[in-house]
Amino acid sequence: MKKISQHLKQLGMGGLLLACAWIVPAAAHADRLEEIQARGSLICATLASNEPLGFPDPQTGQIVGFDVDMCSAIAAKLGVKMRQRSLTVEARLPALMQGEVDIVSAALGYTRERARQIDFTASHYQNPIKLIVQSDSGLNLVSDLEGKRISANRGSTPEQAARRVLRRATLLTFPDTPQSFLALAQKQADALAISMPSGIRFVNESGGRYRFVEGALAWEPTALGVKKGEPRLLDAVNKALVALEKDGQIDALWIKWFGPKTKFNIPRDKKLTPISAFRQAG
């Protein structure tokens, strides 16, 4: 013991701190919420080619949309600014898991498989996953697409739903919605699997060339994504969502981008719902 005391005296205070550093290495590591607050900004991943969720403003070229506005509203509740980053569907989760972004607000549907990789906030809306076909195709029901060719965004929940429901269909996957739709337009695919908010524009603006088949592949609870191991950030974002729901901001943003005065006209029937409500069915 005497030798140890003499050794510590020789080390001095700096050496003592180094000798003890192994005891509490995690305590010195700031969590993601602290990093966000220190830098003064929330780095938010959105899509950039999916109107009205995230797409270029025709006048400015700036990425705008419902998901972008949701990120701005959450950032304001956290007391910071929002920094938008455009990502493809398949790049969303890797960027979040690697710490390149703080949060994902990019048409992110909840699934149990994804929940093993990231954490989900409460679901702020739910929508049906639909199939779009050529109006003269003679395809009327979801079951009519069994054994057919279906295009979808790579890594998306519509792709997963189509694989799960239509097991004999051939899936053609693409990096983004315009390319997935082009496959249908050029008749490389018999149908496009897509969420209702994203797909209704193509139907409404097609002059009757395209339509939805009857029924839905699945219902998709949509939420925001946070990297696993960041409970304080997840809690802060969930509290921000509750506040935004209570003060009517989520409804206001929905009406702005999906309401009766838009070309989409989709009601927000499902309100903010804890993600735990979907864990059994997801």
C-alpha atoms as a PDB file:
ATOM      1  CA  MET A   1       0.000   0.000   0.000  1.00  0.00           C
ATOM      2  CA  LYS A   2       2.884   2.319   0.872  1.00  0.00           C
ATOM      3  CA  LYS A   3       4.496   1.635  -2.495  1.00  0.00           C
ATOM      4  CA  ILE A   4       1.220   2.411  -4.281  1.00  0.00           C
ATOM      5  CA  SER A   5       0.883   5.748  -2.404  1.00  0.00           C
ATOM      6  CA  GLN A   6       4.425   6.699  -3.282  1.00  0.00           C
ATOM      7  CA  HIS A   7       3.779   5.792  -6.919  1.00  0.00           C
ATOM      8  CA  LEU A   8       0.647   7.977  -7.092  1.00  0.00           C
ATOM      9  CA  LYS A   9       2.556  10.910  -5.573  1.00  0.00           C
ATOM     10  CA  GLN A  10       5.161  10.491  -8.266  1.00  0.00           C
ATOM     11  CA  LEU A  11       2.499  10.459 -10.942  1.00  0.00           C
ATOM     12  CA  GLY A  12       1.005  13.715  -9.696  1.00  0.00           C
ATOM     13  CA  MET A  13      -2.608  14.812 -10.263  1.00  0.00           C
ATOM     14  CA  GLY A  14      -2.432  14.475 -14.061  1.00  0.00           C
ATOM     15  CA  GLY A  15      -1.167  10.930 -13.806  1.00  0.00           C
ATOM     16  CA  LEU A  16      -3.863  10.093 -11.249  1.00  0.00           C
ATOM     17  CA  LEU A  17      -6.577  11.213 -13.635  1.00  0.00           C
ATOM     18  CA  LEU A  18      -5.065   9.116 -16.411  1.00  0.00           C
ATOM     19  CA  ALA A  19      -4.819   6.111 -14.132  1.00  0.00           C
ATOM     20  CA  CYS A  20      -8.489   6.383 -13.204  1.00  0.00           C
ATOM     21  CA  ALA A  21      -9.842   7.300 -16.628  1.00  0.00           C
ATOM     22  CA  TRP A  22     -10.803   3.712 -17.422  1.00  0.00           C
ATOM     23  CA  ILE A  23     -13.299   3.663 -14.564  1.00  0.00           C
ATOM     24  CA  VAL A  24     -15.875   6.076 -16.096  1.00  0.00           C
ATOM     25  CA  PRO A  25     -15.144   6.406 -19.813  1.00  0.00           C
ATOM     26  CA  ALA A  26     -18.817   6.790 -20.810  1.00  0.00           C
ATOM     27  CA  ALA A  27     -19.538   9.666 -18.448  1.00  0.00           C
ATOM     28  CA  ALA A  28     -17.346  12.054 -20.456  1.00  0.00           C
ATOM     29  CA  HIS A  29     -19.163  11.288 -23.731  1.00  0.00           C
ATOM     30  CA  ALA A  30     -21.864  13.809 -24.624  1.00  0.00           C
ATOM     31  CA  ASP A  31     -25.068  12.310 -25.983  1.00  0.00           C
ATOM     32  CA  ARG A  32     -26.638  13.347 -29.283  1.00  0.00           C
ATOM     33  CA  LEU A  33     -29.105  15.794 -27.734  1.00  0.00           C
ATOM     34  CA  GLU A  34     -26.220  17.647 -26.058  1.00  0.00           C
ATOM     35  CA  GLU A  35     -24.360  17.737 -29.385  1.00  0.00           C
ATOM     36  CA  ILE A  36     -27.423  19.194 -31.132  1.00  0.00           C
ATOM     37  CA  GLN A  37     -27.847  21.842 -28.462  1.00  0.00           C
ATOM     38  CA  ALA A  38     -24.137  22.700 -28.534  1.00  0.00           C
ATOM     39  CA  ARG A  39     -24.037  23.141 -32.323  1.00  0.00           C
ATOM     40  CA  GLY A  40     -27.415  24.906 -32.362  1.00  0.00           C
ATOM     41  CA  SER A  41     -28.911  22.862 -35.176  1.00  0.00           C
ATOM     42  CA  LEU A  42     -30.834  19.651 -35.866  1.00  0.00           C
ATOM     43  CA  ILE A  43     -29.526  17.779 -38.926  1.00  0.00           C
ATOM     44  CA  CYS A  44     -32.607  16.287 -40.528  1.00  0.00           C
ATOM     45  CA  ALA A  45     -32.710  13.795 -43.413  1.00  0.00           C
ATOM     46  CA  THR A  46     -35.599  14.151 -45.868  1.00  0.00           C
ATOM     47  CA  LEU A  47     -36.355  12.921 -49.347  1.00  0.00           C
ATOM     48  CA  ALA A  48     -35.790  15.282 -52.272  1.00  0.00           C
ATOM     49  CA  SER A  49     -37.981  13.873 -55.049  1.00  0.00           C
ATOM     50  CA  ASN A  50     -41.213  12.913 -53.292  1.00  0.00           C
ATOM     51  CA  GLU A  51     -43.885  15.605 -53.475  1.00  0.00           C
ATOM     52  CA  PRO A  52     -45.351  16.788 -51.128  1.00  0.00           C
ATOM     53  CA  LEU A  53     -43.084  15.243 -48.466  1.00  0.00           C
ATOM     54  CA  GLY A  54     -39.739  16.508 -49.740  1.00  0.00           C
ATOM     55  CA  PHE A  55     -39.155  17.987 -53.205  1.00  0.00           C
ATOM     56  CA  PRO A  56     -37.534  21.016 -54.924  1.00  0.00           C
ATOM     57  CA  ASP A  57     -39.509  24.241 -54.858  1.00  0.00           C
ATOM     58  CA  PRO A  58     -40.117  25.122 -58.534  1.00  0.00           C
ATOM     59  CA  GLN A  59     -39.195  28.760 -57.895  1.00  0.00           C
ATOM     60  CA  THR A  60     -36.146  28.462 -55.639  1.00  0.00           C
ATOM     61  CA  GLY A  61     -34.940  24.884 -56.011  1.00  0.00           C
ATOM     62  CA  GLN A  62     -34.900  24.616 -52.202  1.00  0.00           C
ATOM     63  CA  ILE A  63     -36.174  21.314 -50.767  1.00  0.00           C
ATOM     64  CA  VAL A  64     -39.592  21.879 -49.214  1.00  0.00           C
ATOM     65  CA  GLY A  65     -42.521  19.749 -48.095  1.00  0.00           C
ATOM     66  CA  PHE A  66     -44.409  18.273 -45.166  1.00  0.00           C
ATOM     67  CA  ASP A  67     -41.454  16.276 -43.820  1.00  0.00           C
ATOM     68  CA  VAL A  68     -39.182  19.334 -44.071  1.00  0.00           C
ATOM     69  CA  ASP A  69     -41.688  21.507 -42.198  1.00  0.00           C
ATOM     70  CA  MET A  70     -42.083  18.807 -39.528  1.00  0.00           C
ATOM     71  CA  CYS A  71     -38.332  18.885 -38.962  1.00  0.00           C
ATOM     72  CA  SER A  72     -38.348  22.673 -38.695  1.00  0.00           C
ATOM     73  CA  ALA A  73     -41.176  22.545 -36.156  1.00  0.00           C
ATOM     74  CA  ILE A  74     -39.379  19.918 -34.053  1.00  0.00           C
ATOM     75  CA  ALA A  75     -36.126  21.873 -34.195  1.00  0.00           C
ATOM     76  CA  ALA A  76     -37.976  24.967 -32.959  1.00  0.00           C
ATOM     77  CA  LYS A  77     -39.355  22.997 -30.001  1.00  0.00           C
ATOM     78  CA  LEU A  78     -35.792  21.887 -29.203  1.00  0.00           C
ATOM     79  CA  GLY A  79     -34.631  25.493 -29.350  1.00  0.00           C
ATOM     80  CA  VAL A  80     -32.331  25.042 -32.362  1.00  0.00           C
ATOM     81  CA  LYS A  81     -32.324  25.621 -36.119  1.00  0.00           C
ATOM     82  CA  MET A  82     -33.017  22.912 -38.705  1.00  0.00           C
ATOM     83  CA  ARG A  83     -30.410  21.819 -41.251  1.00  0.00           C
ATOM     84  CA  GLN A  84     -31.975  19.775 -44.043  1.00  0.00           C
ATOM     85  CA  ARG A  85     -30.072  17.005 -45.813  1.00  0.00           C
ATOM     86  CA  SER A  86     -31.450  15.230 -48.883  1.00  0.00           C
ATOM     87  CA  LEU A  87     -31.185  11.427 -48.976  1.00  0.00           C
ATOM     88  CA  THR A  88     -32.626   8.585 -51.041  1.00  0.00           C
ATOM     89  CA  VAL A  89     -34.950   6.018 -49.497  1.00  0.00           C
ATOM     90  CA  GLU A  90     -32.228   3.375 -49.247  1.00  0.00           C
ATOM     91  CA  ALA A  91     -29.703   5.811 -47.727  1.00  0.00           C
ATOM     92  CA  ARG A  92     -31.951   6.979 -44.867  1.00  0.00           C
ATOM     93  CA  LEU A  93     -31.166   4.336 -42.255  1.00  0.00           C
ATOM     94  CA  PRO A  94     -27.420   3.956 -42.952  1.00  0.00           C
ATOM     95  CA  ALA A  95     -26.938   7.718 -42.623  1.00  0.00           C
ATOM     96  CA  LEU A  96     -28.805   7.729 -39.297  1.00  0.00           C
ATOM     97  CA  MET A  97     -27.017   4.664 -37.922  1.00  0.00           C
ATOM     98  CA  GLN A  98     -23.619   6.098 -38.876  1.00  0.00           C
ATOM     99  CA  GLY A  99     -24.376   9.378 -37.147  1.00  0.00           C
ATOM    100  CA  GLU A 100     -24.377  11.494 -40.311  1.00  0.00           C
ATOM    101  CA  VAL A 101     -27.792  12.942 -39.427  1.00  0.00           C
ATOM    102  CA  ASP A 102     -29.640  13.469 -36.134  1.00  0.00           C
ATOM    103  CA  ILE A 103     -33.111  12.472 -37.240  1.00  0.00           C
ATOM    104  CA  VAL A 104     -34.900  11.034 -40.268  1.00  0.00           C
ATOM    105  CA  SER A 105     -38.148  12.612 -41.459  1.00  0.00           C
ATOM    106  CA  ALA A 106     -38.472  10.969 -44.857  1.00  0.00           C
ATOM    107  CA  ALA A 107     -41.686   8.990 -45.367  1.00  0.00           C
ATOM    108  CA  LEU A 108     -40.316   6.530 -42.808  1.00  0.00           C
ATOM    109  CA  GLY A 109     -42.780   3.700 -42.244  1.00  0.00           C
ATOM    110  CA  TYR A 110     -42.504   1.589 -39.105  1.00  0.00           C
ATOM    111  CA  THR A 111     -41.560  -2.088 -39.415  1.00  0.00           C
ATOM    112  CA  ARG A 112     -40.208  -4.517 -36.832  1.00  0.00           C
ATOM    113  CA  GLU A 113     -37.146  -5.114 -39.002  1.00  0.00           C
ATOM    114  CA  ARG A 114     -36.307  -1.406 -39.048  1.00  0.00           C
ATOM    115  CA  ALA A 115     -37.024  -1.140 -35.319  1.00  0.00           C
ATOM    116  CA  ARG A 116     -34.126  -3.551 -34.728  1.00  0.00           C
ATOM    117  CA  GLN A 117     -31.831  -1.018 -36.402  1.00  0.00           C
ATOM    118  CA  ILE A 118     -33.164   2.358 -35.226  1.00  0.00           C
ATOM    119  CA  ASP A 119     -35.614   3.828 -32.732  1.00  0.00           C
ATOM    120  CA  PHE A 120     -38.954   5.249 -33.882  1.00  0.00           C
ATOM    121  CA  THR A 121     -40.815   8.189 -32.434  1.00  0.00           C
ATOM    122  CA  ALA A 122     -44.591   8.154 -32.059  1.00  0.00           C
ATOM    123  CA  SER A 123     -46.391   7.804 -35.395  1.00  0.00           C
ATOM    124  CA  HIS A 124     -47.689  11.197 -36.574  1.00  0.00           C
ATOM    125  CA  TYR A 125     -49.747   9.805 -39.468  1.00  0.00           C
ATOM    126  CA  GLN A 126     -50.849   6.540 -41.052  1.00  0.00           C
ATOM    127  CA  ASN A 127     -51.664   5.863 -44.672  1.00  0.00           C
ATOM    128  CA  PRO A 128     -52.512   2.967 -46.976  1.00  0.00           C
ATOM    129  CA  ILE A 129     -49.887   1.467 -49.263  1.00  0.00           C
ATOM    130  CA  LYS A 130     -51.530   1.310 -52.679  1.00  0.00           C
ATOM    131  CA  LEU A 131     -50.914  -0.062 -56.157  1.00  0.00           C
ATOM    132  CA  ILE A 132     -51.134   2.230 -59.197  1.00  0.00           C
ATOM    133  CA  VAL A 133     -51.822   0.673 -62.609  1.00  0.00           C
ATOM    134  CA  GLN A 134     -52.528   1.818 -66.153  1.00  0.00           C
ATOM    135  CA  SER A 135     -56.264   2.566 -66.341  1.00  0.00           C
ATOM    136  CA  ASP A 136     -56.739   0.210 -69.308  1.00  0.00           C
ATOM    137  CA  SER A 137     -54.749  -2.626 -67.734  1.00  0.00           C
ATOM    138  CA  GLY A 138     -57.756  -4.681 -66.613  1.00  0.00           C
ATOM    139  CA  LEU A 139     -56.122  -5.028 -63.176  1.00  0.00           C
ATOM    140  CA  ASN A 140     -58.669  -4.114 -60.507  1.00  0.00           C
ATOM    141  CA  LEU A 141     -57.752  -5.830 -57.234  1.00  0.00           C
ATOM    142  CA  VAL A 142     -54.545  -6.266 -55.266  1.00  0.00           C
ATOM    143  CA  SER A 143     -54.773 -10.006 -55.924  1.00  0.00           C
ATOM    144  CA  ASP A 144     -54.771  -9.340 -59.680  1.00  0.00           C
ATOM    145  CA  LEU A 145     -51.120  -8.337 -59.373  1.00  0.00           C
ATOM    146  CA  GLU A 146     -49.974 -11.777 -58.182  1.00  0.00           C
ATOM    147  CA  GLY A 147     -47.297 -12.973 -60.603  1.00  0.00           C
ATOM    148  CA  LYS A 148     -47.005  -9.520 -62.221  1.00  0.00           C
ATOM    149  CA  ARG A 149     -44.153  -6.973 -62.293  1.00  0.00           C
ATOM    150  CA  ILE A 150     -44.265  -4.325 -59.573  1.00  0.00           C
ATOM    151  CA  SER A 151     -41.995  -1.288 -59.264  1.00  0.00           C
ATOM    152  CA  ALA A 152     -41.172   0.305 -55.909  1.00  0.00           C
ATOM    153  CA  ASN A 153     -38.574   2.465 -54.198  1.00  0.00           C
ATOM    154  CA  ARG A 154     -35.672   0.298 -53.059  1.00  0.00           C
ATOM    155  CA  GLY A 155     -35.757  -0.337 -49.294  1.00  0.00           C
ATOM    156  CA  SER A 156     -39.205   1.213 -48.862  1.00  0.00           C
ATOM    157  CA  THR A 157     -42.151  -0.174 -46.915  1.00  0.00           C
ATOM    158  CA  PRO A 158     -44.200  -0.419 -50.149  1.00  0.00           C
ATOM    159  CA  GLU A 159     -41.495  -2.731 -51.512  1.00  0.00           C
ATOM    160  CA  GLN A 160     -41.613  -4.827 -48.344  1.00  0.00           C
ATOM    161  CA  ALA A 161     -45.425  -4.932 -48.361  1.00  0.00           C
ATOM    162  CA  ALA A 162     -45.493  -6.040 -52.010  1.00  0.00           C
ATOM    163  CA  ARG A 163     -42.979  -8.818 -51.326  1.00  0.00           C
ATOM    164  CA  ARG A 164     -44.984  -9.963 -48.307  1.00  0.00           C
ATOM    165  CA  VAL A 165     -48.461  -9.860 -49.872  1.00  0.00           C
ATOM    166  CA  LEU A 166     -47.716 -10.768 -53.503  1.00  0.00           C
ATOM    167  CA  ARG A 167     -45.178 -13.545 -53.128  1.00  0.00           C
ATOM    168  CA  ARG A 168     -45.136 -14.544 -56.801  1.00  0.00           C
ATOM    169  CA  ALA A 169     -44.754 -10.993 -58.123  1.00  0.00           C
ATOM    170  CA  THR A 170     -41.483  -9.767 -59.622  1.00  0.00           C
ATOM    171  CA  LEU A 171     -40.219  -6.664 -57.798  1.00  0.00           C
ATOM    172  CA  LEU A 172     -38.363  -4.002 -59.774  1.00  0.00           C
ATOM    173  CA  THR A 173     -36.756  -1.547 -57.349  1.00  0.00           C
ATOM    174  CA  PHE A 174     -35.371   1.929 -57.995  1.00  0.00           C
ATOM    175  CA  PRO A 175     -33.595   4.656 -55.971  1.00  0.00           C
ATOM    176  CA  ASP A 176     -36.503   7.128 -55.980  1.00  0.00           C
ATOM    177  CA  THR A 177     -40.167   7.676 -56.840  1.00  0.00           C
ATOM    178  CA  PRO A 178     -39.712   9.292 -60.282  1.00  0.00           C
ATOM    179  CA  GLN A 179     -37.721   6.279 -61.505  1.00  0.00           C
ATOM    180  CA  SER A 180     -40.208   3.834 -59.988  1.00  0.00           C
ATOM    181  CA  PHE A 181     -43.062   5.659 -61.688  1.00  0.00           C
ATOM    182  CA  LEU A 182     -41.180   5.786 -65.004  1.00  0.00           C
ATOM    183  CA  ALA A 183     -41.047   1.974 -65.003  1.00  0.00           C
ATOM    184  CA  LEU A 184     -44.854   1.924 -64.849  1.00  0.00           C
ATOM    185  CA  ALA A 185     -45.193   4.663 -67.466  1.00  0.00           C
ATOM    186  CA  GLN A 186     -42.916   2.774 -69.876  1.00  0.00           C
ATOM    187  CA  LYS A 187     -44.755  -0.479 -69.140  1.00  0.00           C
ATOM    188  CA  GLN A 188     -41.670  -2.144 -67.711  1.00  0.00           C
ATOM    189  CA  ALA A 189     -43.848  -2.723 -64.632  1.00  0.00           C
ATOM    190  CA  ASP A 190     -47.531  -3.611 -64.353  1.00  0.00           C
ATOM    191  CA  ALA A 191     -48.035  -1.639 -61.141  1.00  0.00           C
ATOM    192  CA  LEU A 192     -46.309   0.826 -58.839  1.00  0.00           C
ATOM    193  CA  ALA A 193     -46.368   0.122 -55.078  1.00  0.00           C
ATOM    194  CA  ILE A 194     -46.471   3.435 -53.250  1.00  0.00           C
ATOM    195  CA  SER A 195     -47.952   5.143 -50.193  1.00  0.00           C
ATOM    196  CA  MET A 196     -51.192   7.021 -50.804  1.00  0.00           C
ATOM    197  CA  PRO A 197     -49.786  10.529 -50.056  1.00  0.00           C
ATOM    198  CA  SER A 198     -46.939   9.997 -52.510  1.00  0.00           C
ATOM    199  CA  GLY A 199     -48.990   8.272 -55.211  1.00  0.00           C
ATOM    200  CA  ILE A 200     -52.158  10.321 -55.385  1.00  0.00           C
ATOM    201  CA  ARG A 201     -50.457  13.110 -57.326  1.00  0.00           C
ATOM    202  CA  PHE A 202     -49.569  10.743 -60.170  1.00  0.00           C
ATOM    203  CA  VAL A 203     -53.175   9.554 -60.362  1.00  0.00           C
ATOM    204  CA  ASN A 204     -54.794  12.989 -60.075  1.00  0.00           C
ATOM    205  CA  GLU A 205     -52.524  14.598 -62.681  1.00  0.00           C
ATOM    206  CA  SER A 206     -52.588  11.742 -65.186  1.00  0.00           C
ATOM    207  CA  GLY A 207     -55.728  12.765 -67.061  1.00  0.00           C
ATOM    208  CA  GLY A 208     -57.261   9.372 -66.365  1.00  0.00           C
ATOM    209  CA  ARG A 209     -54.268   7.368 -67.592  1.00  0.00           C
ATOM    210  CA  TYR A 210     -53.534   5.850 -64.159  1.00  0.00           C
ATOM    211  CA  ARG A 211     -55.682   4.690 -61.241  1.00  0.00           C
ATOM    212  CA  PHE A 212     -55.412   2.886 -57.913  1.00  0.00           C
ATOM    213  CA  VAL A 213     -56.529  -0.719 -57.717  1.00  0.00           C
ATOM    214  CA  GLU A 214     -59.172  -1.468 -55.104  1.00  0.00           C
ATOM    215  CA  GLY A 215     -57.899  -2.195 -51.616  1.00  0.00           C
ATOM    216  CA  ALA A 216     -54.497  -1.663 -49.989  1.00  0.00           C
ATOM    217  CA  LEU A 217     -51.354  -3.761 -49.693  1.00  0.00           C
ATOM    218  CA  ALA A 218     -51.020  -2.647 -46.055  1.00  0.00           C
ATOM    219  CA  TRP A 219     -51.497   0.256 -43.670  1.00  0.00           C
ATOM    220  CA  GLU A 220     -48.312   2.087 -42.838  1.00  0.00           C
ATOM    221  CA  PRO A 221     -47.695   3.936 -39.552  1.00  0.00           C
ATOM    222  CA  THR A 222     -45.224   6.698 -40.370  1.00  0.00           C
ATOM    223  CA  ALA A 223     -42.845   8.153 -37.799  1.00  0.00           C
ATOM    224  CA  LEU A 224     -39.467   9.799 -37.424  1.00  0.00           C
ATOM    225  CA  GLY A 225     -36.245   7.872 -36.856  1.00  0.00           C
ATOM    226  CA  VAL A 226     -33.593   8.364 -34.181  1.00  0.00           C
ATOM    227  CA  LYS A 227     -30.335   6.444 -33.770  1.00  0.00           C
ATOM    228  CA  LYS A 228     -30.447   3.664 -31.173  1.00  0.00           C
ATOM    229  CA  GLY A 229     -28.797   4.421 -27.856  1.00  0.00           C
ATOM    230  CA  GLU A 230     -30.002   8.023 -27.726  1.00  0.00           C
ATOM    231  CA  PRO A 231     -32.902   7.890 -25.223  1.00  0.00           C
ATOM    232  CA  ARG A 232     -32.725  11.584 -24.307  1.00  0.00           C
ATOM    233  CA  LEU A 233     -33.029  12.675 -27.937  1.00  0.00           C
ATOM    234  CA  LEU A 234     -35.854  10.203 -28.576  1.00  0.00           C
ATOM    235  CA  ASP A 235     -37.715  11.470 -25.505  1.00  0.00           C
ATOM    236  CA  ALA A 236     -37.176  15.109 -26.500  1.00  0.00           C
ATOM    237  CA  VAL A 237     -38.499  14.522 -30.027  1.00  0.00           C
ATOM    238  CA  ASN A 238     -41.527  12.625 -28.716  1.00  0.00           C
ATOM    239  CA  LYS A 239     -42.294  15.477 -26.316  1.00  0.00           C
ATOM    240  CA  ALA A 240     -41.962  17.927 -29.197  1.00  0.00           C
ATOM    241  CA  LEU A 241     -44.430  15.856 -31.248  1.00  0.00           C
ATOM    242  CA  VAL A 242     -46.940  15.826 -28.371  1.00  0.00           C
ATOM    243  CA  ALA A 243     -46.662  19.609 -28.106  1.00  0.00           C
ATOM    244  CA  LEU A 244     -47.063  20.044 -31.868  1.00  0.00           C
ATOM    245  CA  GLU A 245     -50.154  17.828 -31.828  1.00  0.00           C
ATOM    246  CA  LYS A 246     -51.708  19.677 -28.908  1.00  0.00           C
ATOM    247  CA  ASP A 247     -51.175  23.141 -30.381  1.00  0.00           C
ATOM    248  CA  GLY A 248     -52.493  22.083 -33.804  1.00  0.00           C
ATOM    249  CA  GLN A 249     -49.271  22.522 -35.747  1.00  0.00           C
ATOM    250  CA  ILE A 250     -49.214  18.994 -37.206  1.00  0.00           C
ATOM    251  CA  ASP A 251     -52.796  19.417 -38.463  1.00  0.00           C
ATOM    252  CA  ALA A 252     -51.909  22.834 -39.894  1.00  0.00           C
ATOM    253  CA  LEU A 253     -48.918  21.436 -41.775  1.00  0.00           C
ATOM    254  CA  TRP A 254     -50.982  18.507 -43.034  1.00  0.00           C
ATOM    255  CA  ILE A 255     -53.646  20.874 -44.396  1.00  0.00           C
ATOM    256  CA  LYS A 256     -50.910  23.022 -45.987  1.00  0.00           C
ATOM    257  CA  TRP A 257     -49.470  20.095 -47.955  1.00  0.00           C
ATOM    258  CA  PHE A 258     -52.341  17.569 -48.218  1.00  0.00           C
ATOM    259  CA  GLY A 259     -55.525  19.553 -47.558  1.00  0.00           C
ATOM    260  CA  PRO A 260     -58.588  20.327 -49.725  1.00  0.00           C
ATOM    261  CA  LYS A 261     -56.853  23.252 -51.482  1.00  0.00           C
ATOM    262  CA  THR A 262     -53.978  21.059 -52.662  1.00  0.00           C
ATOM    263  CA  LYS A 263     -53.906  18.595 -55.539  1.00  0.00           C
ATOM    264  CA  PHE A 264     -53.749  15.735 -53.012  1.00  0.00           C
ATOM    265  CA  ASN A 265     -56.790  16.297 -50.753  1.00  0.00           C
ATOM    266  CA  ILE A 266     -56.021  13.528 -48.242  1.00  0.00           C
ATOM    267  CA  PRO A 267     -57.532  13.761 -44.734  1.00  0.00           C
ATOM    268  CA  ARG A 268     -55.344  13.065 -41.705  1.00  0.00           C
ATOM    269  CA  ASP A 269     -57.625  10.507 -40.089  1.00  0.00           C
ATOM    270  CA  LYS A 270     -55.065   9.056 -37.669  1.00  0.00           C
ATOM    271  CA  LYS A 271     -53.518  11.325 -35.054  1.00  0.00           C
ATOM    272  CA  LEU A 272     -50.311  10.962 -33.017  1.00  0.00           C
ATOM    273  CA  THR A 273     -50.062   7.365 -31.762  1.00  0.00           C
ATOM    274  CA  PRO A 274     -47.380   5.749 -29.552  1.00  0.00           C
ATOM    275  CA  ILE A 275     -45.192   3.458 -31.644  1.00  0.00           C
ATOM    276  CA  SER A 276     -45.792   0.685 -29.100  1.00  0.00           C
ATOM    277  CA  ALA A 277     -49.304   0.344 -30.566  1.00  0.00           C
ATOM    278  CA  PHE A 278     -47.773  -1.122 -33.752  1.00  0.00           C
ATOM    279  CA  ARG A 279     -45.075  -3.410 -32.350  1.00  0.00           C
ATOM    280  CA  GLN A 280     -47.229  -6.527 -32.412  1.00  0.00           C
ATOM    281  CA  ALA A 281     -48.585  -5.944 -35.907  1.00  0.00           C
ATOM    282  CA  GLY A 282     -45.449  -4.414 -37.463  1.00  0.00           C
END
